[in-house]
Amino acid sequence: MKSVKNGPIYRPMLWRALQTAWIHKELWPFALFAGLAGSGVIVNDLVQQARIALTPGGDLLSMLGGSAGTFVQRYFQLVITSGGNNVLYTIFGALMILCAGGFLIVLCQQLLLVALHRAVHKKTRLTGRDLLRALKHHHYFRILGVDLFFHVLIFIVLGGGGTLMRHLPVTIPSVGAIAILIAAGTLFISFVLNIIAMLTLIAVGEERVTIIKGVLEALDRFLRHPLVACETALLVFATNLMLSVAYILGLAVLGIPVGILFAEALTSSALLPMVFITLFGAIAAVMYTILFAGFMTTFTYSVWILLAEQLDRLPFRSRFHHHIRRRFINTGRSA
């Protein structure tokens, strides 16, 4: 991405987002829960949703939750079989857990959106008062409405495409090409919807507008700079991919001394040290994963907040547009 006046923007924006995420470690715990909403890393979210919607056959609950979904399904089957008040108690408990979890996720999304808007302009850590101020004008149902609306809409698009692909008659000529076109079309539409969803969350959560106005603002931003928004989504995915590689390497480095100590304890048949080393390694791995997930989510939200601000202020030219213009338009003029 290039500003018409200021030159390259992508690298400074990504670097600033990384700096913001690293400086404001106080936001990592909230980012961990906000990340469960599945917003920001557009390509990652799209791959997961496409896997669910485009998988031929299979049980929907199992595809949605994997092994956890299968466990929940079997648990409810056992409860229903047992009968009695167990069904009511289980349904009530599940609803309470679902509502509490949803409230926590949406609350953390709101806090992260508002706090990061201040954090990108402030290089010192945010105080407890700053964090509480971020929740002063909380719009729980607006954030929740945006999350649910776009997740359902994207699932319908991908699910509709997957259903259409599964029911294509094999006797149609070029059925493979038609299936590829349907998959590409549904994936592209979902890709755009994910971008608009993130821009809507910023408008609703940080700018405190209604859902309808937030969607209209997001559409306006996207339509004025579609290539820039798409390029940013791909860059966020690429950066998170590199961060994931760094996470795996760090996990391996963490596991080497734990593995060596465990092997020595196993050789000496020392049961207590083996239990202690295993417990320590598990806790260290979990804490490392939690911190890294919080950092990555904070970085992702920072990029989108920075981009939304820049799109409102500067007349951008996307990198793709820049190359096309230099390759064809300027060459044609010089000729």
Protein backbone atom coordinates (compact mmCIF):
# COMPACT_ATOMS: atom_id res chain seq x y z
CA MET A 1 0.00 0.00 0.00
CA LYS A 2 1.24 3.43 -0.87
CA SER A 3 0.01 6.85 0.04
CA VAL A 4 -0.03 9.15 -2.94
CA LYS A 5 2.07 11.64 -0.98
CA ASN A 6 3.92 9.72 1.68
CA GLY A 7 5.26 6.56 0.01
CA PRO A 8 5.03 3.06 1.49
CA ILE A 9 2.61 2.58 4.38
CA TYR A 10 2.40 -1.18 4.93
CA ARG A 11 5.74 -1.68 6.70
CA PRO A 12 5.34 1.29 9.09
CA MET A 13 1.77 0.24 9.89
CA LEU A 14 2.69 -3.39 10.63
CA TRP A 15 5.73 -2.34 12.65
CA ARG A 16 3.68 0.15 14.65
CA ALA A 17 1.06 -2.55 15.33
CA LEU A 18 3.77 -4.96 16.52
CA GLN A 19 5.23 -2.26 18.79
CA THR A 20 1.78 -1.46 20.19
CA ALA A 21 1.04 -5.12 20.88
CA TRP A 22 4.41 -5.59 22.61
CA ILE A 23 4.25 -2.44 24.73
CA HIS A 24 0.68 -2.93 25.93
CA LYS A 25 1.02 -6.32 27.59
CA GLU A 26 -1.80 -5.35 29.94
CA LEU A 27 -4.20 -5.98 27.04
CA TRP A 28 -3.06 -9.57 26.36
CA PRO A 29 -5.45 -11.26 28.84
CA PHE A 30 -8.42 -9.44 27.32
CA ALA A 31 -7.16 -10.10 23.79
CA LEU A 32 -7.02 -13.83 24.58
CA PHE A 33 -10.80 -13.92 25.14
CA ALA A 34 -11.54 -11.43 22.35
CA GLY A 35 -9.71 -13.73 19.95
CA LEU A 36 -12.28 -16.46 20.63
CA ALA A 37 -14.77 -14.40 18.60
CA GLY A 38 -12.75 -15.24 15.50
CA SER A 39 -12.32 -11.73 14.06
CA GLY A 40 -9.30 -10.09 12.46
CA VAL A 41 -7.19 -12.88 10.94
CA ILE A 42 -9.43 -13.02 7.88
CA VAL A 43 -7.73 -15.84 5.97
CA ASN A 44 -7.43 -18.06 9.06
CA ASP A 45 -11.10 -17.58 9.90
CA LEU A 46 -12.09 -18.17 6.30
CA VAL A 47 -10.18 -21.46 6.08
CA GLN A 48 -11.88 -22.74 9.23
CA GLN A 49 -15.33 -21.68 8.05
CA ALA A 50 -14.76 -23.12 4.59
CA ARG A 51 -13.69 -26.43 6.13
CA ILE A 52 -16.98 -26.54 7.99
CA ALA A 53 -19.25 -25.44 5.16
CA LEU A 54 -17.60 -27.13 2.17
CA THR A 55 -16.92 -30.53 3.78
CA PRO A 56 -19.09 -33.09 1.98
CA GLY A 57 -21.35 -34.94 4.41
CA GLY A 58 -20.52 -35.30 8.09
CA ASP A 59 -22.26 -34.16 11.23
CA LEU A 60 -22.54 -30.38 11.63
CA LEU A 61 -21.79 -30.32 15.37
CA SER A 62 -18.71 -32.50 14.90
CA MET A 63 -17.45 -30.24 12.10
CA LEU A 64 -18.08 -27.09 14.14
CA GLY A 65 -16.30 -28.22 17.26
CA GLY A 66 -14.09 -31.11 16.19
CA SER A 67 -13.45 -33.52 19.07
CA ALA A 68 -15.05 -31.06 21.51
CA GLY A 69 -18.20 -31.02 19.39
CA THR A 70 -18.27 -34.82 19.32
CA PHE A 71 -17.87 -34.93 23.12
CA VAL A 72 -20.74 -32.46 23.63
CA GLN A 73 -22.93 -34.45 21.26
CA ARG A 74 -22.28 -37.75 23.07
CA TYR A 75 -22.77 -36.10 26.45
CA PHE A 76 -26.20 -34.77 25.48
CA GLN A 77 -27.14 -38.15 24.04
CA LEU A 78 -26.35 -39.76 27.38
CA VAL A 79 -28.28 -37.07 29.26
CA ILE A 80 -31.33 -37.44 27.04
CA THR A 81 -31.19 -41.22 27.42
CA SER A 82 -31.10 -40.91 31.22
CA GLY A 83 -34.23 -38.72 31.11
CA GLY A 84 -35.76 -37.03 34.13
CA ASN A 85 -34.65 -33.62 35.35
CA ASN A 86 -31.12 -34.18 34.04
CA VAL A 87 -32.15 -32.81 30.65
CA LEU A 88 -33.49 -29.57 32.12
CA TYR A 89 -30.49 -29.12 34.41
CA THR A 90 -28.08 -29.74 31.55
CA ILE A 91 -29.85 -27.35 29.18
CA PHE A 92 -30.01 -24.66 31.86
CA GLY A 93 -26.32 -25.12 32.75
CA ALA A 94 -25.28 -25.07 29.08
CA LEU A 95 -27.25 -21.87 28.47
CA MET A 96 -25.70 -20.21 31.52
CA ILE A 97 -22.18 -21.18 30.43
CA LEU A 98 -22.89 -20.03 26.86
CA CYS A 99 -24.27 -16.67 28.00
CA ALA A 100 -21.40 -16.10 30.46
CA GLY A 101 -18.80 -17.03 27.84
CA GLY A 102 -20.42 -14.86 25.19
CA PHE A 103 -20.65 -11.91 27.58
CA LEU A 104 -16.97 -12.24 28.52
CA ILE A 105 -15.85 -12.47 24.88
CA VAL A 106 -17.91 -9.47 23.77
CA LEU A 107 -16.84 -7.46 26.81
CA CYS A 108 -13.17 -8.13 26.00
CA GLN A 109 -13.76 -7.21 22.35
CA GLN A 110 -15.20 -3.85 23.38
CA LEU A 111 -12.36 -3.18 25.80
CA LEU A 112 -9.72 -4.16 23.25
CA LEU A 113 -11.20 -1.99 20.50
CA VAL A 114 -11.48 1.13 22.65
CA ALA A 115 -8.24 0.64 24.58
CA LEU A 116 -6.21 -0.05 21.44
CA HIS A 117 -7.54 3.10 19.82
CA ARG A 118 -5.87 5.00 22.67
CA ALA A 119 -2.87 2.67 22.82
CA VAL A 120 -1.79 3.28 19.21
CA HIS A 121 -1.32 6.94 20.13
CA LYS A 122 0.20 6.31 23.55
CA LYS A 123 3.52 4.50 23.99
CA THR A 124 3.14 4.05 27.73
CA ARG A 125 1.10 1.29 29.32
CA LEU A 126 -2.58 1.89 29.94
CA THR A 127 -3.61 2.24 33.58
CA GLY A 128 -6.50 0.46 35.26
CA ARG A 129 -8.50 3.66 34.98
CA ASP A 130 -7.88 3.73 31.22
CA LEU A 131 -9.15 0.16 30.89
CA LEU A 132 -12.26 0.88 32.96
CA ARG A 133 -12.90 3.99 30.89
CA ALA A 134 -12.90 1.78 27.79
CA LEU A 135 -15.95 -0.01 29.19
CA LYS A 136 -17.77 3.15 30.25
CA HIS A 137 -19.95 3.24 27.16
CA HIS A 138 -20.18 -0.46 26.51
CA HIS A 139 -22.57 -1.59 23.78
CA TYR A 140 -22.84 -5.29 24.50
CA PHE A 141 -25.72 -6.13 22.20
CA ARG A 142 -24.27 -4.12 19.31
CA ILE A 143 -20.95 -5.99 19.37
CA LEU A 144 -22.77 -9.29 19.88
CA GLY A 145 -25.14 -8.45 17.02
CA VAL A 146 -22.26 -7.74 14.64
CA ASP A 147 -20.49 -10.98 15.59
CA LEU A 148 -23.60 -13.13 15.19
CA PHE A 149 -24.84 -11.43 12.02
CA PHE A 150 -21.61 -11.80 10.06
CA HIS A 151 -20.80 -15.29 11.34
CA VAL A 152 -24.26 -16.52 10.34
CA LEU A 153 -24.12 -14.68 7.01
CA ILE A 154 -20.69 -16.10 6.13
CA PHE A 155 -21.74 -19.59 7.16
CA ILE A 156 -24.85 -19.31 4.96
CA VAL A 157 -22.74 -18.21 1.98
CA LEU A 158 -20.18 -20.98 2.44
CA GLY A 159 -22.79 -23.56 3.37
CA GLY A 160 -24.91 -22.63 0.36
CA GLY A 161 -21.89 -22.93 -1.92
CA GLY A 162 -20.93 -26.27 -0.40
CA THR A 163 -24.49 -27.61 -0.74
CA LEU A 164 -24.65 -26.47 -4.36
CA MET A 165 -21.33 -28.16 -5.12
CA ARG A 166 -22.45 -31.42 -3.51
CA HIS A 167 -25.64 -31.52 -5.59
CA LEU A 168 -24.09 -30.74 -8.97
CA PRO A 169 -25.08 -33.51 -11.41
CA VAL A 170 -21.99 -35.41 -12.48
CA THR A 171 -23.41 -35.63 -16.01
CA ILE A 172 -23.00 -31.87 -16.57
CA PRO A 173 -20.08 -31.04 -18.90
CA SER A 174 -17.15 -29.40 -17.11
CA VAL A 175 -18.69 -30.13 -13.70
CA GLY A 176 -15.23 -29.80 -12.09
CA ALA A 177 -14.72 -26.29 -13.49
CA ILE A 178 -18.19 -25.25 -12.33
CA ALA A 179 -17.47 -26.56 -8.83
CA ILE A 180 -14.18 -24.63 -8.73
CA LEU A 181 -15.96 -21.43 -9.80
CA ILE A 182 -18.63 -21.89 -7.13
CA ALA A 183 -15.98 -22.53 -4.43
CA ALA A 184 -13.90 -19.53 -5.54
CA GLY A 185 -16.95 -17.27 -5.65
CA THR A 186 -18.24 -18.24 -2.21
CA LEU A 187 -14.75 -17.98 -0.69
CA PHE A 188 -14.24 -14.51 -2.19
CA ILE A 189 -17.63 -13.27 -0.96
CA SER A 190 -16.86 -14.63 2.51
CA PHE A 191 -13.40 -13.04 2.40
CA VAL A 192 -14.98 -9.63 1.72
CA LEU A 193 -17.65 -10.17 4.39
CA ASN A 194 -14.94 -10.95 6.96
CA ILE A 195 -13.18 -7.68 6.15
CA ILE A 196 -16.43 -5.69 6.39
CA ALA A 197 -17.20 -7.44 9.69
CA MET A 198 -13.90 -6.30 11.20
CA LEU A 199 -14.36 -2.72 9.98
CA THR A 200 -17.92 -2.78 11.37
CA LEU A 201 -16.66 -3.95 14.77
CA ILE A 202 -14.27 -0.99 14.84
CA ALA A 203 -17.06 1.44 13.96
CA VAL A 204 -19.52 -0.02 16.49
CA GLY A 205 -17.09 -0.77 19.31
CA GLU A 206 -14.76 2.19 19.16
CA GLU A 207 -16.80 4.90 17.42
CA ARG A 208 -20.00 3.87 19.27
CA VAL A 209 -22.40 4.01 16.34
CA THR A 210 -25.40 1.78 15.67
CA ILE A 211 -25.03 -1.54 13.86
CA ILE A 212 -26.62 -0.23 10.66
CA LYS A 213 -24.47 2.89 10.61
CA GLY A 214 -21.41 0.78 11.44
CA VAL A 215 -22.08 -1.52 8.48
CA LEU A 216 -22.57 1.49 6.19
CA GLU A 217 -19.31 3.05 7.38
CA ALA A 218 -17.47 -0.23 6.88
CA LEU A 219 -18.91 -0.59 3.38
CA ASP A 220 -17.88 2.99 2.56
CA ARG A 221 -14.32 2.36 3.74
CA PHE A 222 -14.08 -0.91 1.85
CA LEU A 223 -15.57 0.37 -1.42
CA ARG A 224 -13.28 3.39 -1.45
CA HIS A 225 -10.20 1.20 -0.89
CA PRO A 226 -11.08 -2.42 -1.75
CA LEU A 227 -7.61 -3.52 -2.84
CA VAL A 228 -5.98 -1.91 0.18
CA ALA A 229 -8.34 -3.74 2.55
CA CYS A 230 -7.77 -7.08 0.79
CA GLU A 231 -4.00 -6.60 0.77
CA THR A 232 -4.06 -5.76 4.47
CA ALA A 233 -6.02 -8.94 5.25
CA LEU A 234 -3.46 -11.02 3.35
CA LEU A 235 -0.55 -9.24 5.07
CA VAL A 236 -2.07 -9.80 8.50
CA PHE A 237 -2.41 -13.49 7.65
CA ALA A 238 1.20 -13.68 6.43
CA THR A 239 2.51 -11.90 9.53
CA ASN A 240 0.50 -14.14 11.85
CA LEU A 241 1.80 -17.15 9.94
CA MET A 242 5.38 -16.05 10.62
CA LEU A 243 4.49 -15.37 14.26
CA SER A 244 3.02 -18.88 14.47
CA VAL A 245 6.32 -20.31 13.22
CA ALA A 246 8.12 -18.29 15.90
CA TYR A 247 5.65 -19.66 18.47
CA ILE A 248 6.38 -23.25 17.43
CA LEU A 249 10.14 -22.64 17.60
CA GLY A 250 9.75 -21.08 21.06
CA LEU A 251 7.69 -24.04 22.19
CA ALA A 252 10.42 -26.38 20.94
CA VAL A 253 13.08 -24.39 22.80
CA LEU A 254 10.94 -24.56 25.93
CA GLY A 255 10.45 -28.30 25.51
CA ILE A 256 14.13 -29.22 25.11
CA PRO A 257 15.22 -28.68 28.76
CA VAL A 258 11.94 -30.17 30.02
CA GLY A 259 12.49 -33.25 27.85
CA ILE A 260 16.09 -33.64 29.03
CA LEU A 261 15.09 -33.38 32.70
CA PHE A 262 12.23 -35.81 32.20
CA ALA A 263 14.54 -38.33 30.49
CA GLU A 264 17.01 -38.13 33.37
CA ALA A 265 14.21 -38.61 35.92
CA LEU A 266 12.88 -41.54 33.89
CA THR A 267 16.33 -43.15 33.76
CA SER A 268 16.71 -42.90 37.53
CA SER A 269 13.10 -44.11 38.04
CA ALA A 270 12.35 -41.07 40.20
CA LEU A 271 8.55 -40.87 40.19
CA LEU A 272 8.11 -37.59 42.10
CA PRO A 273 10.55 -35.59 39.91
CA MET A 274 8.85 -37.04 36.81
CA VAL A 275 5.45 -35.81 38.01
CA PHE A 276 6.87 -32.41 38.97
CA ILE A 277 8.68 -31.96 35.62
CA THR A 278 5.60 -33.01 33.65
CA LEU A 279 3.39 -30.61 35.59
CA PHE A 280 5.90 -27.78 35.23
CA GLY A 281 6.27 -28.38 31.49
CA ALA A 282 2.51 -28.43 30.97
CA ILE A 283 1.96 -25.22 32.95
CA ALA A 284 4.84 -23.47 31.16
CA ALA A 285 3.50 -24.53 27.74
CA VAL A 286 -0.02 -23.36 28.58
CA MET A 287 1.18 -20.00 29.91
CA TYR A 288 3.43 -19.49 26.89
CA THR A 289 0.52 -20.29 24.55
CA ILE A 290 -1.84 -17.94 26.38
CA LEU A 291 0.63 -15.04 26.27
CA PHE A 292 1.45 -15.60 22.61
CA ALA A 293 -2.24 -15.83 21.64
CA GLY A 294 -2.92 -12.57 23.50
CA PHE A 295 -0.04 -10.85 21.73
CA MET A 296 -1.14 -12.03 18.27
CA THR A 297 -4.75 -10.93 18.79
CA THR A 298 -3.61 -7.54 20.09
CA PHE A 299 -1.40 -7.14 17.01
CA THR A 300 -4.24 -8.13 14.66
CA TYR A 301 -6.72 -5.67 16.15
CA SER A 302 -4.05 -2.94 16.15
CA VAL A 303 -3.48 -3.35 12.41
CA TRP A 304 -7.17 -3.00 11.58
CA ILE A 305 -7.62 0.02 13.85
CA LEU A 306 -4.60 1.71 12.29
CA LEU A 307 -5.85 0.89 8.80
CA ALA A 308 -9.34 2.27 9.51
CA GLU A 309 -7.80 5.54 10.71
CA GLN A 310 -5.50 5.80 7.71
CA LEU A 311 -8.27 5.04 5.21
CA ASP A 312 -10.29 7.98 6.55
CA ARG A 313 -7.40 10.44 6.24
CA LEU A 314 -5.18 9.66 3.27
CA PRO A 315 -5.86 8.91 -0.39
CA PHE A 316 -4.22 5.50 -0.67
CA ARG A 317 -3.15 3.62 -3.72
CA SER A 318 -2.87 -0.11 -3.22
CA ARG A 319 0.36 -1.94 -4.00
CA PHE A 320 -1.43 -3.86 -6.77
CA HIS A 321 -2.78 -0.61 -8.22
CA HIS A 322 0.68 0.93 -7.96
CA HIS A 323 2.29 -1.88 -9.99
CA ILE A 324 -0.48 -1.90 -12.60
CA ARG A 325 -0.25 1.86 -13.01
CA ARG A 326 3.56 1.79 -13.33
CA ARG A 327 3.53 -1.22 -15.67
CA PHE A 328 0.77 -0.26 -18.07
CA ILE A 329 -0.49 3.30 -17.64
CA ASN A 330 2.82 5.11 -17.21
CA THR A 331 4.49 2.92 -19.86
CA GLY A 332 1.70 3.69 -22.30
CA ARG A 333 2.08 7.44 -21.68
CA SER A 334 5.83 7.36 -22.18
CA ALA A 335 5.37 5.42 -25.42
